[in-house]
Amino acid sequence: EIQLSETGFYLDTLKSQNNCDSIVALELEVIGDKYDTLEISILEGKAFEIGDQNLEEEGEYPLSLTSSLGCDSLLLVKLTHFNVYIPNIFSPSEDGFNGVFYPFAPVGEIKSYNMRIYNRWGNLLFQGTEWDGINQEPGVYVYLLDVEFMHGITNTFHGSVTLLK
């Protein structure tokens, strides 16, 4: 078995099954390792699956994947983490500070989200994207937040938020 790794013109003589000589000519151009780069940002604590890889830690991962036609593709995955911040307290008022309850994430990470707010008896009080809580009494409320991220992954967050007046 001959392995070629340098650009050049190669001739080789091969024997057929009837012991006849065949000359094979090969002009080879080595173009080096060229990677397509894929920059992915995932929610911290989650994993990104590609091929048979399950990537969790931040970093750069050079991968060799096989296409459906059997060709190799070189891919460099640059994986970073981000977090979604969900406040645990807010105060509806006219002062313009911390008066609406909604999640925060780095720009461009969230495609869409839907939030549901429940009172302590489990009654649905609000469904949408930004809860102002103006007509509600001070207290603790439960939220369910369904988020669709830009890369098609979805996640549900849940917890409680305190409304102060």
C-alpha atoms as a PDB file:
ATOM      1  CA  GLU A   1       0.000   0.000   0.000  1.00  0.00           C
ATOM      2  CA  ILE A   2       1.449   3.349  -1.056  1.00  0.00           C
ATOM      3  CA  GLN A   3       0.534   6.539   0.779  1.00  0.00           C
ATOM      4  CA  LEU A   4       1.117   9.815  -1.013  1.00  0.00           C
ATOM      5  CA  SER A   5       1.226  13.074   0.902  1.00  0.00           C
ATOM      6  CA  GLU A   6       3.066  15.521  -1.379  1.00  0.00           C
ATOM      7  CA  THR A   7       1.963  17.328  -4.529  1.00  0.00           C
ATOM      8  CA  GLY A   8       3.458  15.773  -7.673  1.00  0.00           C
ATOM      9  CA  PHE A   9       3.126  13.500 -10.705  1.00  0.00           C
ATOM     10  CA  TYR A  10       3.326   9.797  -9.909  1.00  0.00           C
ATOM     11  CA  LEU A  11       3.684   6.714 -12.155  1.00  0.00           C
ATOM     12  CA  ASP A  12       3.266   3.185 -10.909  1.00  0.00           C
ATOM     13  CA  THR A  13       3.315  -0.196 -12.580  1.00  0.00           C
ATOM     14  CA  LEU A  14       0.699  -2.656 -11.396  1.00  0.00           C
ATOM     15  CA  LYS A  15       0.271  -6.325 -12.254  1.00  0.00           C
ATOM     16  CA  SER A  16      -3.165  -7.501 -13.367  1.00  0.00           C
ATOM     17  CA  GLN A  17      -4.556 -10.900 -12.362  1.00  0.00           C
ATOM     18  CA  ASN A  18      -3.154 -12.339 -15.628  1.00  0.00           C
ATOM     19  CA  ASN A  19       0.280 -10.976 -14.674  1.00  0.00           C
ATOM     20  CA  CYS A  20       0.174  -8.233 -17.299  1.00  0.00           C
ATOM     21  CA  ASP A  21       1.668  -4.835 -16.543  1.00  0.00           C
ATOM     22  CA  SER A  22      -0.528  -1.747 -16.279  1.00  0.00           C
ATOM     23  CA  ILE A  23       0.904   1.713 -15.881  1.00  0.00           C
ATOM     24  CA  VAL A  24      -1.095   4.113 -13.764  1.00  0.00           C
ATOM     25  CA  ALA A  25      -0.421   7.865 -13.875  1.00  0.00           C
ATOM     26  CA  LEU A  26      -1.560  10.178 -11.099  1.00  0.00           C
ATOM     27  CA  GLU A  27      -1.231  13.927 -10.830  1.00  0.00           C
ATOM     28  CA  LEU A  28      -1.799  14.797  -7.194  1.00  0.00           C
ATOM     29  CA  GLU A  29      -2.344  18.215  -5.674  1.00  0.00           C
ATOM     30  CA  VAL A  30      -2.286  18.319  -1.885  1.00  0.00           C
ATOM     31  CA  ILE A  31      -4.321  21.286  -0.722  1.00  0.00           C
ATOM     32  CA  GLY A  32      -3.728  20.793   3.000  1.00  0.00           C
ATOM     33  CA  ASP A  33      -6.178  20.610   5.825  1.00  0.00           C
ATOM     34  CA  LYS A  34      -8.979  23.017   5.025  1.00  0.00           C
ATOM     35  CA  TYR A  35     -11.727  23.110   7.583  1.00  0.00           C
ATOM     36  CA  ASP A  36     -15.192  24.509   7.279  1.00  0.00           C
ATOM     37  CA  THR A  37     -15.804  26.378  10.516  1.00  0.00           C
ATOM     38  CA  LEU A  38     -19.016  26.113  12.499  1.00  0.00           C
ATOM     39  CA  GLU A  39     -19.418  28.532  15.416  1.00  0.00           C
ATOM     40  CA  ILE A  40     -21.962  27.224  17.910  1.00  0.00           C
ATOM     41  CA  SER A  41     -23.134  28.756  21.159  1.00  0.00           C
ATOM     42  CA  ILE A  42     -25.106  26.492  23.474  1.00  0.00           C
ATOM     43  CA  LEU A  43     -26.828  26.890  26.795  1.00  0.00           C
ATOM     44  CA  GLU A  44     -24.383  26.103  29.591  1.00  0.00           C
ATOM     45  CA  GLY A  45     -24.957  22.578  30.879  1.00  0.00           C
ATOM     46  CA  LYS A  46     -26.309  21.323  27.545  1.00  0.00           C
ATOM     47  CA  ALA A  47     -24.565  19.419  24.740  1.00  0.00           C
ATOM     48  CA  PHE A  48     -24.231  19.892  20.991  1.00  0.00           C
ATOM     49  CA  GLU A  49     -24.517  16.701  18.953  1.00  0.00           C
ATOM     50  CA  ILE A  50     -22.800  16.371  15.571  1.00  0.00           C
ATOM     51  CA  GLY A  51     -22.051  13.080  13.864  1.00  0.00           C
ATOM     52  CA  ASP A  52     -21.250  10.646  16.652  1.00  0.00           C
ATOM     53  CA  GLN A  53     -19.841  13.443  18.846  1.00  0.00           C
ATOM     54  CA  ASN A  54     -21.538  14.905  21.911  1.00  0.00           C
ATOM     55  CA  LEU A  55     -19.751  18.208  22.678  1.00  0.00           C
ATOM     56  CA  GLU A  56     -20.308  19.857  26.071  1.00  0.00           C
ATOM     57  CA  GLU A  57     -17.201  21.864  26.998  1.00  0.00           C
ATOM     58  CA  GLU A  58     -16.189  25.159  25.409  1.00  0.00           C
ATOM     59  CA  GLY A  59     -13.362  24.858  22.895  1.00  0.00           C
ATOM     60  CA  GLU A  60     -12.384  24.090  19.321  1.00  0.00           C
ATOM     61  CA  TYR A  61     -13.041  20.609  17.964  1.00  0.00           C
ATOM     62  CA  PRO A  62     -11.518  19.530  14.614  1.00  0.00           C
ATOM     63  CA  LEU A  63     -13.771  16.778  13.243  1.00  0.00           C
ATOM     64  CA  SER A  64     -13.684  14.554  10.193  1.00  0.00           C
ATOM     65  CA  LEU A  65     -17.199  13.614   9.104  1.00  0.00           C
ATOM     66  CA  THR A  66     -18.258  11.267   6.323  1.00  0.00           C
ATOM     67  CA  SER A  67     -20.963  12.490   3.944  1.00  0.00           C
ATOM     68  CA  SER A  68     -23.803  10.348   2.632  1.00  0.00           C
ATOM     69  CA  LEU A  69     -21.686   9.823  -0.529  1.00  0.00           C
ATOM     70  CA  GLY A  70     -18.764   8.489   1.508  1.00  0.00           C
ATOM     71  CA  CYS A  71     -16.585  11.618   1.194  1.00  0.00           C
ATOM     72  CA  ASP A  72     -14.688  13.058   4.126  1.00  0.00           C
ATOM     73  CA  SER A  73     -15.428  16.590   5.272  1.00  0.00           C
ATOM     74  CA  LEU A  74     -13.189  18.468   7.671  1.00  0.00           C
ATOM     75  CA  LEU A  75     -15.096  20.611  10.145  1.00  0.00           C
ATOM     76  CA  LEU A  76     -13.861  22.853  12.933  1.00  0.00           C
ATOM     77  CA  VAL A  77     -16.530  23.363  15.608  1.00  0.00           C
ATOM     78  CA  LYS A  78     -15.958  26.404  17.843  1.00  0.00           C
ATOM     79  CA  LEU A  79     -18.180  25.841  20.858  1.00  0.00           C
ATOM     80  CA  THR A  80     -19.052  28.536  23.403  1.00  0.00           C
ATOM     81  CA  HIS A  81     -21.570  28.721  26.253  1.00  0.00           C
ATOM     82  CA  PHE A  82     -24.167  31.288  27.169  1.00  0.00           C
ATOM     83  CA  ASN A  83     -26.741  31.608  29.927  1.00  0.00           C
ATOM     84  CA  VAL A  84     -30.316  32.808  30.127  1.00  0.00           C
ATOM     85  CA  TYR A  85     -30.879  35.126  33.067  1.00  0.00           C
ATOM     86  CA  ILE A  86     -34.367  35.052  34.566  1.00  0.00           C
ATOM     87  CA  PRO A  87     -34.947  37.629  37.311  1.00  0.00           C
ATOM     88  CA  ASN A  88     -36.375  36.370  40.601  1.00  0.00           C
ATOM     89  CA  ILE A  89     -37.914  39.702  41.613  1.00  0.00           C
ATOM     90  CA  PHE A  90     -39.470  42.704  39.884  1.00  0.00           C
ATOM     91  CA  SER A  91     -41.517  45.754  40.781  1.00  0.00           C
ATOM     92  CA  PRO A  92     -44.189  47.042  38.391  1.00  0.00           C
ATOM     93  CA  SER A  93     -44.088  50.821  38.577  1.00  0.00           C
ATOM     94  CA  GLU A  94     -43.870  53.918  36.473  1.00  0.00           C
ATOM     95  CA  ASP A  95     -40.189  54.577  37.307  1.00  0.00           C
ATOM     96  CA  GLY A  96     -38.924  52.565  34.286  1.00  0.00           C
ATOM     97  CA  PHE A  97     -36.633  50.302  36.333  1.00  0.00           C
ATOM     98  CA  ASN A  98     -37.175  46.555  36.672  1.00  0.00           C
ATOM     99  CA  GLY A  99     -40.889  47.015  36.003  1.00  0.00           C
ATOM    100  CA  VAL A 100     -41.455  44.137  33.555  1.00  0.00           C
ATOM    101  CA  PHE A 101     -40.647  40.449  34.004  1.00  0.00           C
ATOM    102  CA  TYR A 102     -38.946  38.664  31.083  1.00  0.00           C
ATOM    103  CA  PRO A 103     -35.781  36.595  30.413  1.00  0.00           C
ATOM    104  CA  PHE A 104     -32.423  38.023  29.324  1.00  0.00           C
ATOM    105  CA  ALA A 105     -29.951  36.300  26.986  1.00  0.00           C
ATOM    106  CA  PRO A 106     -27.096  37.421  24.744  1.00  0.00           C
ATOM    107  CA  VAL A 107     -28.319  39.165  21.587  1.00  0.00           C
ATOM    108  CA  GLY A 108     -29.090  36.716  18.794  1.00  0.00           C
ATOM    109  CA  GLU A 109     -29.367  33.553  20.902  1.00  0.00           C
ATOM    110  CA  ILE A 110     -33.153  33.380  21.431  1.00  0.00           C
ATOM    111  CA  LYS A 111     -35.406  32.974  18.409  1.00  0.00           C
ATOM    112  CA  SER A 112     -38.672  33.105  20.348  1.00  0.00           C
ATOM    113  CA  TYR A 113     -40.128  32.412  23.760  1.00  0.00           C
ATOM    114  CA  ASN A 114     -43.486  32.087  25.479  1.00  0.00           C
ATOM    115  CA  MET A 115     -44.033  32.616  29.166  1.00  0.00           C
ATOM    116  CA  ARG A 116     -46.884  31.494  31.423  1.00  0.00           C
ATOM    117  CA  ILE A 117     -47.422  32.995  34.884  1.00  0.00           C
ATOM    118  CA  TYR A 118     -49.471  31.195  37.569  1.00  0.00           C
ATOM    119  CA  ASN A 119     -50.662  32.308  40.987  1.00  0.00           C
ATOM    120  CA  ARG A 120     -50.145  30.204  44.131  1.00  0.00           C
ATOM    121  CA  TRP A 121     -53.384  28.289  43.449  1.00  0.00           C
ATOM    122  CA  GLY A 122     -52.213  27.253  39.976  1.00  0.00           C
ATOM    123  CA  ASN A 123     -54.448  29.625  38.021  1.00  0.00           C
ATOM    124  CA  LEU A 124     -52.999  30.913  34.748  1.00  0.00           C
ATOM    125  CA  LEU A 125     -52.734  34.707  35.033  1.00  0.00           C
ATOM    126  CA  PHE A 126     -50.659  35.610  31.988  1.00  0.00           C
ATOM    127  CA  GLN A 127     -49.343  34.154  28.757  1.00  0.00           C
ATOM    128  CA  GLY A 128     -46.981  36.060  26.454  1.00  0.00           C
ATOM    129  CA  THR A 129     -43.483  37.530  26.407  1.00  0.00           C
ATOM    130  CA  GLU A 130     -43.379  40.376  28.957  1.00  0.00           C
ATOM    131  CA  TRP A 131     -45.422  40.385  32.155  1.00  0.00           C
ATOM    132  CA  ASP A 132     -46.029  43.782  33.733  1.00  0.00           C
ATOM    133  CA  GLY A 133     -47.964  42.393  36.734  1.00  0.00           C
ATOM    134  CA  ILE A 134     -49.697  45.753  37.203  1.00  0.00           C
ATOM    135  CA  ASN A 135     -53.108  44.328  38.178  1.00  0.00           C
ATOM    136  CA  GLN A 136     -51.648  41.683  40.530  1.00  0.00           C
ATOM    137  CA  GLU A 137     -51.070  41.704  44.276  1.00  0.00           C
ATOM    138  CA  PRO A 138     -47.534  41.589  45.665  1.00  0.00           C
ATOM    139  CA  GLY A 139     -46.399  38.016  46.231  1.00  0.00           C
ATOM    140  CA  VAL A 140     -44.677  34.996  44.739  1.00  0.00           C
ATOM    141  CA  TYR A 141     -45.747  33.702  41.317  1.00  0.00           C
ATOM    142  CA  VAL A 142     -44.675  30.642  39.338  1.00  0.00           C
ATOM    143  CA  TYR A 143     -43.467  30.869  35.722  1.00  0.00           C
ATOM    144  CA  LEU A 144     -42.974  28.374  32.902  1.00  0.00           C
ATOM    145  CA  LEU A 145     -40.809  29.694  30.089  1.00  0.00           C
ATOM    146  CA  ASP A 146     -40.561  27.827  26.765  1.00  0.00           C
ATOM    147  CA  VAL A 147     -37.582  29.089  24.754  1.00  0.00           C
ATOM    148  CA  GLU A 148     -36.597  28.293  21.156  1.00  0.00           C
ATOM    149  CA  PHE A 149     -32.964  29.110  20.491  1.00  0.00           C
ATOM    150  CA  MET A 150     -31.525  30.188  17.129  1.00  0.00           C
ATOM    151  CA  HIS A 151     -29.994  26.754  16.455  1.00  0.00           C
ATOM    152  CA  GLY A 152     -33.392  25.033  16.728  1.00  0.00           C
ATOM    153  CA  ILE A 153     -32.915  23.686  20.248  1.00  0.00           C
ATOM    154  CA  THR A 154     -35.719  24.287  22.750  1.00  0.00           C
ATOM    155  CA  ASN A 155     -35.674  24.375  26.519  1.00  0.00           C
ATOM    156  CA  THR A 156     -38.262  24.925  29.272  1.00  0.00           C
ATOM    157  CA  PHE A 157     -37.315  26.918  32.343  1.00  0.00           C
ATOM    158  CA  HIS A 158     -39.446  27.088  35.467  1.00  0.00           C
ATOM    159  CA  GLY A 159     -39.241  28.825  38.781  1.00  0.00           C
ATOM    160  CA  SER A 160     -40.712  31.563  40.888  1.00  0.00           C
ATOM    161  CA  VAL A 161     -40.665  35.343  40.740  1.00  0.00           C
ATOM    162  CA  THR A 162     -41.540  37.783  43.501  1.00  0.00           C
ATOM    163  CA  LEU A 163     -43.669  40.785  42.606  1.00  0.00           C
ATOM    164  CA  LEU A 164     -43.067  43.839  44.817  1.00  0.00           C
ATOM    165  CA  LYS A 165     -45.058  47.082  44.878  1.00  0.00           C
END
